[in-house]
Amino acid sequence: MHSVYSLIECPPLPKATYVLVKREQGGRRRVLHVGSGQNEAATLNLAGVRQRGAQLGANEVHVHFAAASDAARNLVLCDLRAGQLGSLASEPDRASA
């Protein structure tokens, strides 16, 4: 279970697992990045999500709030990344200028 927000309208995020997604014109969604907020400050997590999303061209953020502990979030993170194995292999480390 997760919540979906536009990259611009995403609220500050607690420590949560998220997926950055590019929703294309036909409605098809393409996963660009799977990550997890690491900061206690929700606004810092949001800043990181928006920065990475902008670098990759994401326009949606899918957030999984249910995991209550760091260990549970890491399991969700690993599970989501494993489900995307191969499609995230070409993800750049950072934006190219």
Protein backbone atom coordinates (compact mmCIF):
# COMPACT_ATOMS: atom_id res chain seq x y z
CA MET A 1 0.00 0.00 0.00
CA HIS A 2 1.33 3.42 -0.91
CA SER A 3 0.32 7.02 -1.57
CA VAL A 4 0.94 8.76 -4.90
CA TYR A 5 1.85 12.45 -5.18
CA SER A 6 3.08 14.68 -7.96
CA LEU A 7 6.73 15.61 -7.49
CA ILE A 8 5.75 19.24 -6.87
CA GLU A 9 2.83 18.54 -4.49
CA CYS A 10 4.53 15.85 -2.39
CA PRO A 11 4.34 16.75 1.32
CA PRO A 12 7.32 16.64 3.68
CA LEU A 13 8.22 12.99 4.22
CA PRO A 14 9.13 11.18 7.42
CA LYS A 15 11.54 8.28 7.14
CA ALA A 16 9.67 6.43 4.39
CA THR A 17 10.44 4.37 1.32
CA TYR A 18 9.63 6.04 -1.98
CA VAL A 19 9.65 5.34 -5.69
CA LEU A 20 10.32 8.11 -8.22
CA VAL A 21 8.21 7.55 -11.31
CA LYS A 22 7.87 9.11 -14.76
CA ARG A 23 4.22 9.01 -15.80
CA GLU A 24 4.12 9.32 -19.55
CA GLN A 25 1.36 10.85 -21.69
CA GLY A 26 -0.39 7.55 -22.38
CA GLY A 27 -0.58 6.86 -18.63
CA ARG A 28 2.28 4.34 -18.62
CA ARG A 29 4.49 4.63 -15.54
CA ARG A 30 8.23 3.99 -15.55
CA VAL A 31 10.17 3.55 -12.30
CA LEU A 32 13.30 5.70 -12.23
CA HIS A 33 14.58 5.32 -8.67
CA VAL A 34 13.76 3.57 -5.40
CA GLY A 35 14.97 5.24 -2.22
CA SER A 36 14.34 5.87 1.44
CA GLY A 37 14.29 9.03 3.54
CA GLN A 38 17.12 8.91 6.07
CA ASN A 39 16.65 12.17 7.99
CA GLU A 40 14.57 12.83 11.09
CA ALA A 41 13.58 16.16 9.48
CA ALA A 42 10.77 15.50 7.00
CA THR A 43 11.62 18.64 5.00
CA LEU A 44 15.17 17.39 4.38
CA ASN A 45 13.81 14.09 3.09
CA LEU A 46 11.46 15.99 0.78
CA ALA A 47 14.30 18.17 -0.50
CA GLY A 48 16.29 15.05 -1.39
CA VAL A 49 13.30 13.45 -3.12
CA ARG A 50 12.61 16.58 -5.18
CA GLN A 51 16.26 17.01 -6.13
CA ARG A 52 16.68 13.39 -7.25
CA GLY A 53 13.30 13.46 -8.97
CA ALA A 54 14.22 16.59 -10.92
CA GLN A 55 17.57 15.08 -11.91
CA LEU A 56 15.91 11.95 -13.28
CA GLY A 57 12.84 13.57 -14.86
CA ALA A 58 10.30 12.08 -12.43
CA ASN A 59 6.86 13.61 -12.10
CA GLU A 60 5.38 11.29 -9.45
CA VAL A 61 6.44 10.08 -6.02
CA HIS A 62 4.97 6.82 -4.69
CA VAL A 63 5.48 6.69 -0.91
CA HIS A 64 5.27 3.63 1.32
CA PHE A 65 4.55 4.83 4.88
CA ALA A 66 3.69 1.50 6.57
CA ALA A 67 7.19 0.39 7.63
CA ALA A 68 7.72 1.68 11.18
CA SER A 69 11.37 0.81 11.78
CA ASP A 70 14.63 1.28 9.88
CA ALA A 71 14.89 -2.51 9.46
CA ALA A 72 11.37 -2.74 8.02
CA ARG A 73 12.05 0.18 5.65
CA ASN A 74 15.24 -1.51 4.46
CA LEU A 75 13.29 -4.70 3.71
CA VAL A 76 10.71 -2.74 1.72
CA LEU A 77 13.51 -0.90 -0.10
CA CYS A 78 15.26 -4.16 -1.03
CA ASP A 79 11.98 -5.75 -2.13
CA LEU A 80 11.07 -2.82 -4.37
CA ARG A 81 14.55 -2.66 -5.89
CA ALA A 82 14.55 -6.41 -6.52
CA GLY A 83 11.21 -6.06 -8.30
CA GLN A 84 12.79 -3.49 -10.61
CA LEU A 85 16.03 -5.42 -11.18
CA GLY A 86 17.36 -4.57 -14.61
CA SER A 87 15.21 -1.52 -15.23
CA LEU A 88 17.17 0.55 -12.69
CA ALA A 89 20.58 -0.67 -13.90
CA SER A 90 20.96 2.28 -16.27
CA GLU A 91 20.09 4.90 -13.64
CA PRO A 92 22.76 7.64 -13.58
CA ASP A 93 24.58 8.35 -10.31
CA ARG A 94 23.91 12.06 -10.75
CA ALA A 95 22.54 14.46 -13.30
CA SER A 96 24.81 15.29 -16.20
CA ALA A 97 25.17 18.96 -16.96
